[in-house]
N, C-alpha and C. Protein backbone atom coordinates (compact mmCIF):
# COMPACT_ATOMS: atom_id res chain seq x y z
N UNK A 1 -39.10 -0.54 -55.43
CA UNK A 1 -38.57 -0.37 -54.15
C UNK A 1 -38.03 -1.68 -53.60
N UNK A 2 -38.64 -2.75 -53.92
CA UNK A 2 -38.16 -4.03 -53.43
C UNK A 2 -36.80 -4.37 -54.03
N UNK A 3 -36.55 -3.95 -55.24
CA UNK A 3 -35.25 -4.19 -55.85
C UNK A 3 -34.18 -3.40 -55.14
N UNK A 4 -34.52 -2.17 -54.74
CA UNK A 4 -33.56 -1.34 -54.02
C UNK A 4 -33.27 -1.93 -52.66
N UNK A 5 -34.27 -2.44 -52.02
CA UNK A 5 -34.07 -3.05 -50.71
C UNK A 5 -33.21 -4.30 -50.85
N UNK A 6 -33.48 -5.05 -51.91
CA UNK A 6 -32.68 -6.25 -52.13
C UNK A 6 -31.23 -5.89 -52.40
N UNK A 7 -30.99 -4.82 -53.18
CA UNK A 7 -29.63 -4.40 -53.47
C UNK A 7 -28.98 -3.86 -52.21
N UNK A 8 -29.75 -3.11 -51.40
CA UNK A 8 -29.23 -2.57 -50.14
C UNK A 8 -28.89 -3.69 -49.18
N UNK A 9 -29.73 -4.70 -49.13
CA UNK A 9 -29.46 -5.84 -48.24
C UNK A 9 -28.22 -6.60 -48.72
N UNK A 10 -28.08 -6.69 -50.01
CA UNK A 10 -26.95 -7.39 -50.57
C UNK A 10 -25.67 -6.66 -50.25
N UNK A 11 -25.65 -5.34 -50.43
CA UNK A 11 -24.44 -4.58 -50.16
C UNK A 11 -24.12 -4.55 -48.67
N UNK A 12 -25.15 -4.51 -47.82
CA UNK A 12 -24.89 -4.50 -46.38
C UNK A 12 -24.42 -5.87 -45.88
N UNK A 13 -24.91 -6.93 -46.50
CA UNK A 13 -24.48 -8.27 -46.08
C UNK A 13 -23.05 -8.53 -46.53
N UNK A 14 -22.66 -7.94 -47.64
CA UNK A 14 -21.28 -8.11 -48.10
C UNK A 14 -20.32 -7.38 -47.18
N UNK A 15 -20.77 -6.33 -46.62
CA UNK A 15 -19.92 -5.59 -45.70
C UNK A 15 -19.75 -6.34 -44.38
N UNK A 16 -20.78 -7.04 -43.93
CA UNK A 16 -20.76 -7.70 -42.63
C UNK A 16 -19.94 -9.00 -42.66
N UNK A 17 -20.22 -9.90 -43.57
CA UNK A 17 -19.52 -11.17 -43.61
C UNK A 17 -19.40 -11.64 -45.03
N UNK A 18 -18.53 -12.60 -45.21
CA UNK A 18 -18.37 -13.14 -46.55
C UNK A 18 -19.38 -14.24 -46.80
N UNK A 19 -19.41 -14.72 -47.97
CA UNK A 19 -20.39 -15.71 -48.41
C UNK A 19 -20.19 -17.01 -47.65
N UNK A 20 -21.24 -17.55 -47.06
CA UNK A 20 -21.19 -18.77 -46.28
C UNK A 20 -21.61 -19.99 -47.06
N UNK A 21 -22.06 -19.86 -48.22
CA UNK A 21 -22.49 -20.99 -49.04
C UNK A 21 -23.95 -21.29 -48.82
N UNK A 22 -24.37 -22.37 -49.37
CA UNK A 22 -25.79 -22.73 -49.24
C UNK A 22 -26.03 -23.32 -47.86
N UNK A 23 -27.16 -23.05 -47.31
CA UNK A 23 -27.46 -23.62 -45.99
C UNK A 23 -27.65 -25.13 -46.11
N UNK A 24 -27.19 -25.86 -45.07
CA UNK A 24 -27.32 -27.30 -45.08
C UNK A 24 -28.51 -27.68 -44.23
N UNK A 25 -29.19 -28.69 -44.67
CA UNK A 25 -30.37 -29.15 -43.95
C UNK A 25 -30.09 -30.59 -43.53
N UNK A 26 -30.32 -30.90 -42.26
CA UNK A 26 -30.10 -32.22 -41.73
C UNK A 26 -31.44 -32.88 -41.45
N UNK A 27 -31.55 -34.13 -41.86
CA UNK A 27 -32.74 -34.91 -41.57
C UNK A 27 -32.33 -36.08 -40.69
N UNK A 28 -33.13 -36.40 -39.72
CA UNK A 28 -32.87 -37.52 -38.84
C UNK A 28 -33.54 -38.75 -39.43
N UNK A 29 -32.73 -39.80 -39.58
CA UNK A 29 -33.27 -41.02 -40.13
C UNK A 29 -32.80 -42.16 -39.23
N UNK A 30 -33.70 -42.93 -38.70
CA UNK A 30 -33.34 -44.05 -37.85
C UNK A 30 -32.99 -45.25 -38.71
N UNK A 31 -31.92 -45.93 -38.30
CA UNK A 31 -31.45 -47.09 -39.05
C UNK A 31 -31.59 -48.30 -38.15
N UNK A 32 -32.22 -49.34 -38.63
CA UNK A 32 -32.43 -50.56 -37.87
C UNK A 32 -31.38 -51.58 -38.29
N UNK A 33 -30.40 -51.83 -37.39
CA UNK A 33 -29.32 -52.79 -37.68
C UNK A 33 -29.54 -54.13 -36.98
N UNK A 34 -30.73 -54.36 -36.45
CA UNK A 34 -30.96 -55.57 -35.68
C UNK A 34 -30.94 -56.83 -36.54
N UNK A 35 -31.19 -56.74 -37.80
CA UNK A 35 -31.21 -57.93 -38.65
C UNK A 35 -29.88 -58.18 -39.34
N UNK A 36 -28.88 -57.31 -39.09
CA UNK A 36 -27.58 -57.50 -39.72
C UNK A 36 -26.80 -58.59 -39.01
N UNK A 37 -26.04 -59.36 -39.75
CA UNK A 37 -25.20 -60.41 -39.22
C UNK A 37 -23.77 -60.10 -39.64
N UNK A 38 -22.87 -60.10 -38.64
CA UNK A 38 -21.48 -59.78 -38.95
C UNK A 38 -20.85 -60.98 -39.65
N UNK A 39 -20.18 -60.72 -40.74
CA UNK A 39 -19.52 -61.76 -41.51
C UNK A 39 -18.03 -61.70 -41.17
N UNK A 40 -17.49 -62.84 -40.73
CA UNK A 40 -16.07 -62.92 -40.40
C UNK A 40 -15.24 -62.90 -41.67
N UNK A 41 -14.20 -62.09 -41.62
CA UNK A 41 -13.26 -62.06 -42.74
C UNK A 41 -12.09 -62.96 -42.36
N UNK A 42 -11.93 -64.10 -43.03
CA UNK A 42 -10.85 -65.02 -42.63
C UNK A 42 -9.46 -64.41 -42.80
N UNK A 43 -9.27 -63.58 -43.79
CA UNK A 43 -7.96 -62.95 -44.01
C UNK A 43 -7.63 -62.01 -42.85
N UNK A 44 -8.61 -61.23 -42.45
CA UNK A 44 -8.40 -60.28 -41.34
C UNK A 44 -8.14 -61.04 -40.03
N UNK A 45 -8.88 -62.11 -39.80
CA UNK A 45 -8.66 -62.91 -38.59
C UNK A 45 -7.27 -63.51 -38.56
N UNK A 46 -6.81 -64.04 -39.70
CA UNK A 46 -5.47 -64.62 -39.78
C UNK A 46 -4.42 -63.54 -39.54
N UNK A 47 -4.62 -62.35 -40.12
CA UNK A 47 -3.66 -61.25 -39.90
C UNK A 47 -3.62 -60.84 -38.43
N UNK A 48 -4.78 -60.81 -37.79
CA UNK A 48 -4.81 -60.43 -36.37
C UNK A 48 -4.12 -61.48 -35.51
N UNK A 49 -4.33 -62.77 -35.79
CA UNK A 49 -3.65 -63.82 -35.05
C UNK A 49 -2.13 -63.74 -35.24
N UNK A 50 -1.68 -63.48 -36.46
CA UNK A 50 -0.25 -63.34 -36.71
C UNK A 50 0.32 -62.13 -35.97
N UNK A 51 -0.43 -61.06 -35.94
CA UNK A 51 0.00 -59.85 -35.26
C UNK A 51 0.13 -60.10 -33.75
N UNK A 52 -0.87 -60.76 -33.18
CA UNK A 52 -0.84 -61.05 -31.74
C UNK A 52 0.31 -62.01 -31.43
N UNK A 53 0.53 -63.00 -32.28
CA UNK A 53 1.63 -63.93 -32.08
C UNK A 53 2.98 -63.20 -32.15
N UNK A 54 3.11 -62.29 -33.10
CA UNK A 54 4.36 -61.52 -33.22
C UNK A 54 4.57 -60.65 -31.97
N UNK A 55 3.50 -60.04 -31.46
CA UNK A 55 3.62 -59.23 -30.25
C UNK A 55 4.01 -60.10 -29.05
N UNK A 56 3.43 -61.28 -28.95
CA UNK A 56 3.79 -62.18 -27.85
C UNK A 56 5.26 -62.59 -27.94
N UNK A 57 5.72 -62.91 -29.13
CA UNK A 57 7.14 -63.27 -29.30
C UNK A 57 8.05 -62.10 -28.92
N UNK A 58 7.69 -60.91 -29.35
CA UNK A 58 8.47 -59.73 -29.01
C UNK A 58 8.48 -59.51 -27.49
N UNK A 59 7.33 -59.68 -26.85
CA UNK A 59 7.25 -59.52 -25.40
C UNK A 59 8.15 -60.54 -24.70
N UNK A 60 8.10 -61.78 -25.14
CA UNK A 60 8.94 -62.83 -24.53
C UNK A 60 10.42 -62.50 -24.72
N UNK A 61 10.80 -62.04 -25.89
CA UNK A 61 12.21 -61.69 -26.14
C UNK A 61 12.66 -60.53 -25.25
N UNK A 62 11.82 -59.52 -25.13
CA UNK A 62 12.18 -58.36 -24.30
C UNK A 62 12.29 -58.77 -22.83
N UNK A 63 11.34 -59.58 -22.36
CA UNK A 63 11.39 -60.02 -20.96
C UNK A 63 12.60 -60.92 -20.71
N UNK A 64 12.96 -61.76 -21.67
CA UNK A 64 14.15 -62.61 -21.52
C UNK A 64 15.41 -61.75 -21.44
N UNK A 65 15.49 -60.76 -22.29
CA UNK A 65 16.65 -59.86 -22.25
C UNK A 65 16.71 -59.13 -20.91
N UNK A 66 15.58 -58.62 -20.44
CA UNK A 66 15.56 -57.90 -19.16
C UNK A 66 15.94 -58.83 -18.01
N UNK A 67 15.42 -60.06 -18.03
CA UNK A 67 15.75 -61.02 -16.97
C UNK A 67 17.24 -61.33 -16.96
N UNK A 68 17.82 -61.55 -18.13
CA UNK A 68 19.26 -61.84 -18.21
C UNK A 68 20.07 -60.64 -17.73
N UNK A 69 19.65 -59.46 -18.11
CA UNK A 69 20.37 -58.25 -17.72
C UNK A 69 20.38 -58.10 -16.20
N UNK A 70 19.22 -58.22 -15.58
CA UNK A 70 19.14 -58.06 -14.14
C UNK A 70 19.80 -59.21 -13.41
N UNK A 71 19.75 -60.40 -13.97
CA UNK A 71 20.45 -61.54 -13.36
C UNK A 71 21.96 -61.31 -13.40
N UNK A 72 22.46 -60.77 -14.51
CA UNK A 72 23.90 -60.48 -14.61
C UNK A 72 24.31 -59.43 -13.57
N UNK A 73 23.49 -58.43 -13.38
CA UNK A 73 23.79 -57.41 -12.37
C UNK A 73 23.79 -58.04 -10.98
N UNK A 74 22.80 -58.88 -10.70
CA UNK A 74 22.72 -59.53 -9.39
C UNK A 74 23.92 -60.44 -9.16
N UNK A 75 24.33 -61.19 -10.18
CA UNK A 75 25.51 -62.05 -10.05
C UNK A 75 26.76 -61.22 -9.82
N UNK A 76 26.84 -60.05 -10.43
CA UNK A 76 27.99 -59.17 -10.20
C UNK A 76 28.06 -58.74 -8.74
N UNK A 77 26.91 -58.40 -8.16
CA UNK A 77 26.88 -58.03 -6.74
C UNK A 77 27.29 -59.22 -5.87
N UNK A 78 26.80 -60.41 -6.20
CA UNK A 78 27.16 -61.59 -5.42
C UNK A 78 28.65 -61.88 -5.52
N UNK A 79 29.22 -61.72 -6.70
CA UNK A 79 30.65 -61.96 -6.89
C UNK A 79 31.47 -60.99 -6.05
N UNK A 80 31.07 -59.71 -6.06
CA UNK A 80 31.79 -58.72 -5.25
C UNK A 80 31.68 -59.05 -3.77
N UNK A 81 30.51 -59.47 -3.33
CA UNK A 81 30.32 -59.82 -1.93
C UNK A 81 31.20 -61.01 -1.55
N UNK A 82 31.23 -62.02 -2.41
CA UNK A 82 32.06 -63.20 -2.13
C UNK A 82 33.55 -62.87 -2.16
N UNK A 83 33.97 -61.98 -3.05
CA UNK A 83 35.38 -61.56 -3.08
C UNK A 83 35.76 -60.85 -1.79
N UNK A 84 34.85 -59.97 -1.32
CA UNK A 84 35.11 -59.26 -0.08
C UNK A 84 35.18 -60.25 1.09
N UNK A 85 34.28 -61.23 1.11
CA UNK A 85 34.29 -62.24 2.16
C UNK A 85 35.57 -63.07 2.09
N UNK A 86 36.00 -63.43 0.88
CA UNK A 86 37.25 -64.19 0.71
C UNK A 86 38.43 -63.40 1.25
N UNK A 87 38.49 -62.10 0.93
CA UNK A 87 39.60 -61.27 1.42
C UNK A 87 39.60 -61.19 2.94
N UNK A 88 38.40 -61.07 3.54
CA UNK A 88 38.32 -61.02 5.00
C UNK A 88 38.79 -62.34 5.61
N UNK A 89 38.37 -63.47 5.02
CA UNK A 89 38.78 -64.78 5.54
C UNK A 89 40.28 -65.01 5.34
N UNK A 90 40.83 -64.53 4.23
CA UNK A 90 42.27 -64.65 4.02
C UNK A 90 43.04 -63.87 5.07
N UNK A 91 42.56 -62.68 5.37
CA UNK A 91 43.22 -61.85 6.39
C UNK A 91 43.10 -62.51 7.76
N UNK A 92 41.93 -63.08 8.06
CA UNK A 92 41.73 -63.75 9.34
C UNK A 92 42.63 -64.99 9.42
N UNK A 93 42.76 -65.72 8.32
CA UNK A 93 43.62 -66.90 8.28
C UNK A 93 45.08 -66.51 8.54
N UNK A 94 45.51 -65.41 7.92
CA UNK A 94 46.88 -64.94 8.13
C UNK A 94 47.11 -64.56 9.58
N UNK A 95 46.12 -63.88 10.19
CA UNK A 95 46.26 -63.48 11.59
C UNK A 95 46.29 -64.71 12.50
N UNK A 96 45.46 -65.72 12.20
CA UNK A 96 45.45 -66.93 13.02
C UNK A 96 46.74 -67.73 12.87
N UNK A 97 47.29 -67.78 11.67
CA UNK A 97 48.57 -68.47 11.48
C UNK A 97 49.70 -67.76 12.25
N UNK A 98 49.65 -66.44 12.25
CA UNK A 98 50.65 -65.68 13.01
C UNK A 98 50.50 -65.94 14.51
N UNK A 99 49.25 -65.97 14.98
CA UNK A 99 49.01 -66.24 16.40
C UNK A 99 49.45 -67.67 16.75
N UNK A 100 49.16 -68.63 15.85
CA UNK A 100 49.59 -70.01 16.08
C UNK A 100 51.12 -70.10 16.15
N UNK A 101 51.79 -69.38 15.27
CA UNK A 101 53.25 -69.41 15.27
C UNK A 101 53.81 -68.85 16.57
N UNK A 102 53.20 -67.77 17.09
CA UNK A 102 53.69 -67.22 18.35
C UNK A 102 53.37 -68.13 19.52
N UNK A 103 52.22 -68.82 19.47
CA UNK A 103 51.87 -69.72 20.56
C UNK A 103 52.70 -71.00 20.54
N UNK A 104 53.19 -71.43 19.40
CA UNK A 104 54.00 -72.65 19.28
C UNK A 104 55.49 -72.39 19.53
N UNK A 105 55.84 -71.18 19.79
CA UNK A 105 57.26 -70.85 20.00
C UNK A 105 57.79 -71.66 21.18
N UNK A 106 58.82 -72.49 20.95
CA UNK A 106 59.35 -73.34 22.03
C UNK A 106 59.87 -72.54 23.22
N UNK A 107 60.44 -71.40 23.00
CA UNK A 107 60.96 -70.60 24.12
C UNK A 107 59.81 -70.11 25.00
N UNK A 108 58.71 -69.72 24.39
CA UNK A 108 57.54 -69.26 25.14
C UNK A 108 56.97 -70.41 25.97
N UNK A 109 56.83 -71.59 25.33
CA UNK A 109 56.29 -72.76 26.03
C UNK A 109 57.21 -73.15 27.19
N UNK A 110 58.51 -73.12 26.98
CA UNK A 110 59.47 -73.45 28.03
C UNK A 110 59.36 -72.46 29.19
N UNK A 111 59.21 -71.19 28.88
CA UNK A 111 59.07 -70.17 29.93
C UNK A 111 57.80 -70.38 30.74
N UNK A 112 56.68 -70.68 30.07
CA UNK A 112 55.42 -70.92 30.78
C UNK A 112 55.53 -72.18 31.65
N UNK A 113 56.18 -73.22 31.12
CA UNK A 113 56.34 -74.47 31.89
C UNK A 113 57.18 -74.23 33.14
N UNK A 114 58.23 -73.46 33.05
CA UNK A 114 59.09 -73.18 34.21
C UNK A 114 58.32 -72.36 35.25
N UNK A 115 57.44 -71.43 34.77
CA UNK A 115 56.64 -70.64 35.72
C UNK A 115 55.67 -71.53 36.49
N UNK A 116 55.17 -72.59 35.82
CA UNK A 116 54.23 -73.50 36.46
C UNK A 116 54.93 -74.56 37.29
N UNK A 117 56.25 -74.58 37.28
CA UNK A 117 57.02 -75.52 38.08
C UNK A 117 57.23 -76.86 37.40
N UNK A 118 57.08 -76.92 36.12
CA UNK A 118 57.29 -78.16 35.39
C UNK A 118 58.77 -78.31 35.08
N UNK A 119 59.19 -79.58 34.90
CA UNK A 119 60.59 -79.86 34.60
C UNK A 119 60.67 -80.51 33.23
N UNK A 120 61.87 -80.55 32.72
CA UNK A 120 62.10 -81.20 31.42
C UNK A 120 61.89 -82.70 31.59
N UNK A 121 61.38 -83.41 30.57
CA UNK A 121 61.15 -84.85 30.71
C UNK A 121 62.47 -85.60 30.82
N UNK A 122 62.42 -86.65 31.57
CA UNK A 122 63.59 -87.50 31.73
C UNK A 122 63.56 -88.57 30.65
N UNK A 123 64.64 -89.29 30.55
CA UNK A 123 64.72 -90.35 29.55
C UNK A 123 63.68 -91.41 29.86
N UNK A 124 62.92 -91.83 28.86
CA UNK A 124 61.90 -92.86 29.00
C UNK A 124 60.52 -92.30 29.28
N UNK A 125 60.40 -91.02 29.59
CA UNK A 125 59.10 -90.42 29.85
C UNK A 125 58.40 -89.98 28.56
N UNK A 126 59.12 -89.86 27.49
CA UNK A 126 58.55 -89.37 26.23
C UNK A 126 58.17 -90.57 25.38
N UNK A 127 56.95 -90.62 24.92
CA UNK A 127 56.49 -91.68 24.03
C UNK A 127 56.19 -91.03 22.68
N UNK A 128 56.86 -91.52 21.68
CA UNK A 128 56.65 -91.00 20.33
C UNK A 128 55.42 -91.65 19.72
N UNK A 129 54.60 -90.86 19.08
CA UNK A 129 53.39 -91.37 18.42
C UNK A 129 53.58 -91.42 16.91
N UNK A 130 54.84 -91.47 16.47
CA UNK A 130 55.12 -91.48 15.04
C UNK A 130 54.66 -92.77 14.37
N UNK A 131 54.56 -93.87 15.12
CA UNK A 131 54.14 -95.12 14.52
C UNK A 131 52.62 -95.28 14.54
N UNK A 132 51.89 -94.17 14.55
CA UNK A 132 50.42 -94.20 14.52
C UNK A 132 49.95 -94.71 13.17
N UNK A 133 48.80 -95.38 13.12
CA UNK A 133 48.30 -95.90 11.84
C UNK A 133 48.04 -94.75 10.85
N UNK A 134 48.28 -95.04 9.58
CA UNK A 134 48.12 -94.04 8.53
C UNK A 134 46.65 -93.69 8.33
N UNK A 135 45.78 -94.70 8.45
CA UNK A 135 44.35 -94.47 8.25
C UNK A 135 43.78 -93.85 9.52
N UNK A 136 43.48 -92.56 9.48
CA UNK A 136 42.98 -91.86 10.65
C UNK A 136 41.54 -92.19 10.96
N UNK A 137 40.78 -92.74 10.00
CA UNK A 137 39.37 -93.04 10.22
C UNK A 137 39.14 -94.42 10.81
N UNK A 138 40.16 -95.27 10.84
CA UNK A 138 39.99 -96.64 11.35
C UNK A 138 39.99 -96.62 12.87
N UNK A 139 39.28 -97.55 13.51
CA UNK A 139 39.27 -97.60 14.98
C UNK A 139 40.64 -98.03 15.52
N UNK A 140 40.98 -97.51 16.67
CA UNK A 140 42.27 -97.79 17.28
C UNK A 140 42.02 -98.58 18.56
N UNK A 141 42.74 -99.67 18.73
CA UNK A 141 42.62 -100.49 19.93
C UNK A 141 43.61 -99.98 20.97
N UNK A 142 43.16 -99.93 22.20
CA UNK A 142 44.06 -99.52 23.28
C UNK A 142 45.01 -100.67 23.60
N UNK A 143 46.23 -100.32 23.96
CA UNK A 143 47.22 -101.34 24.31
C UNK A 143 48.00 -100.88 25.53
N UNK A 144 48.51 -101.82 26.25
CA UNK A 144 49.28 -101.51 27.45
C UNK A 144 50.76 -101.63 27.08
N UNK A 145 51.52 -100.63 27.43
CA UNK A 145 52.96 -100.69 27.19
C UNK A 145 53.66 -100.32 28.49
N UNK A 146 54.78 -100.86 28.67
CA UNK A 146 55.53 -100.61 29.91
C UNK A 146 56.18 -99.24 29.85
N UNK A 147 56.03 -98.49 30.91
CA UNK A 147 56.63 -97.17 31.01
C UNK A 147 57.50 -97.17 32.26
N UNK A 148 58.70 -96.78 32.06
CA UNK A 148 59.59 -96.72 33.22
C UNK A 148 59.44 -95.34 33.84
N UNK A 149 59.22 -95.31 35.13
CA UNK A 149 59.03 -94.06 35.83
C UNK A 149 60.27 -93.83 36.70
N UNK A 150 60.81 -92.67 36.56
CA UNK A 150 61.99 -92.28 37.35
C UNK A 150 61.47 -91.35 38.44
N UNK A 151 61.73 -91.69 39.67
CA UNK A 151 61.24 -90.85 40.75
C UNK A 151 61.90 -89.48 40.71
N UNK A 152 61.15 -88.48 41.09
CA UNK A 152 61.72 -87.12 41.09
C UNK A 152 62.64 -86.93 42.27
N UNK A 153 63.57 -86.06 42.23
CA UNK A 153 64.58 -85.87 43.25
C UNK A 153 64.12 -85.00 44.32
């Protein structure tokens, strides 16, 4: 009867699941590593130093490239700003030259002088400053010169 039960158990277990293999047994074993001393591998240390050095060089190269790239962009913005400022100053200079030309118009000055009651200068009233010294930075001494005054009518 035990053989039949064993055969019945075998056939019923085959129907339920497939073969799982031999059972594994685990034993706990404590390992004392307190007396171990780590031995430095000089080859591994040299490789790690070379690797770190290579990474540092790569980092410096990438940062240099990024710095140059952003500096070039910033200089481009500065150049555009300065060009715009130059164009504005050129336009302002042109407007001021035009205004100066209209203000220096002899007919305009003559008209304003006549409105203020001024008269044309008489002979001897005009002193030319053409003989002024060439060196504008040198001190100039005051001098007395005779001026003939013609009484007004």
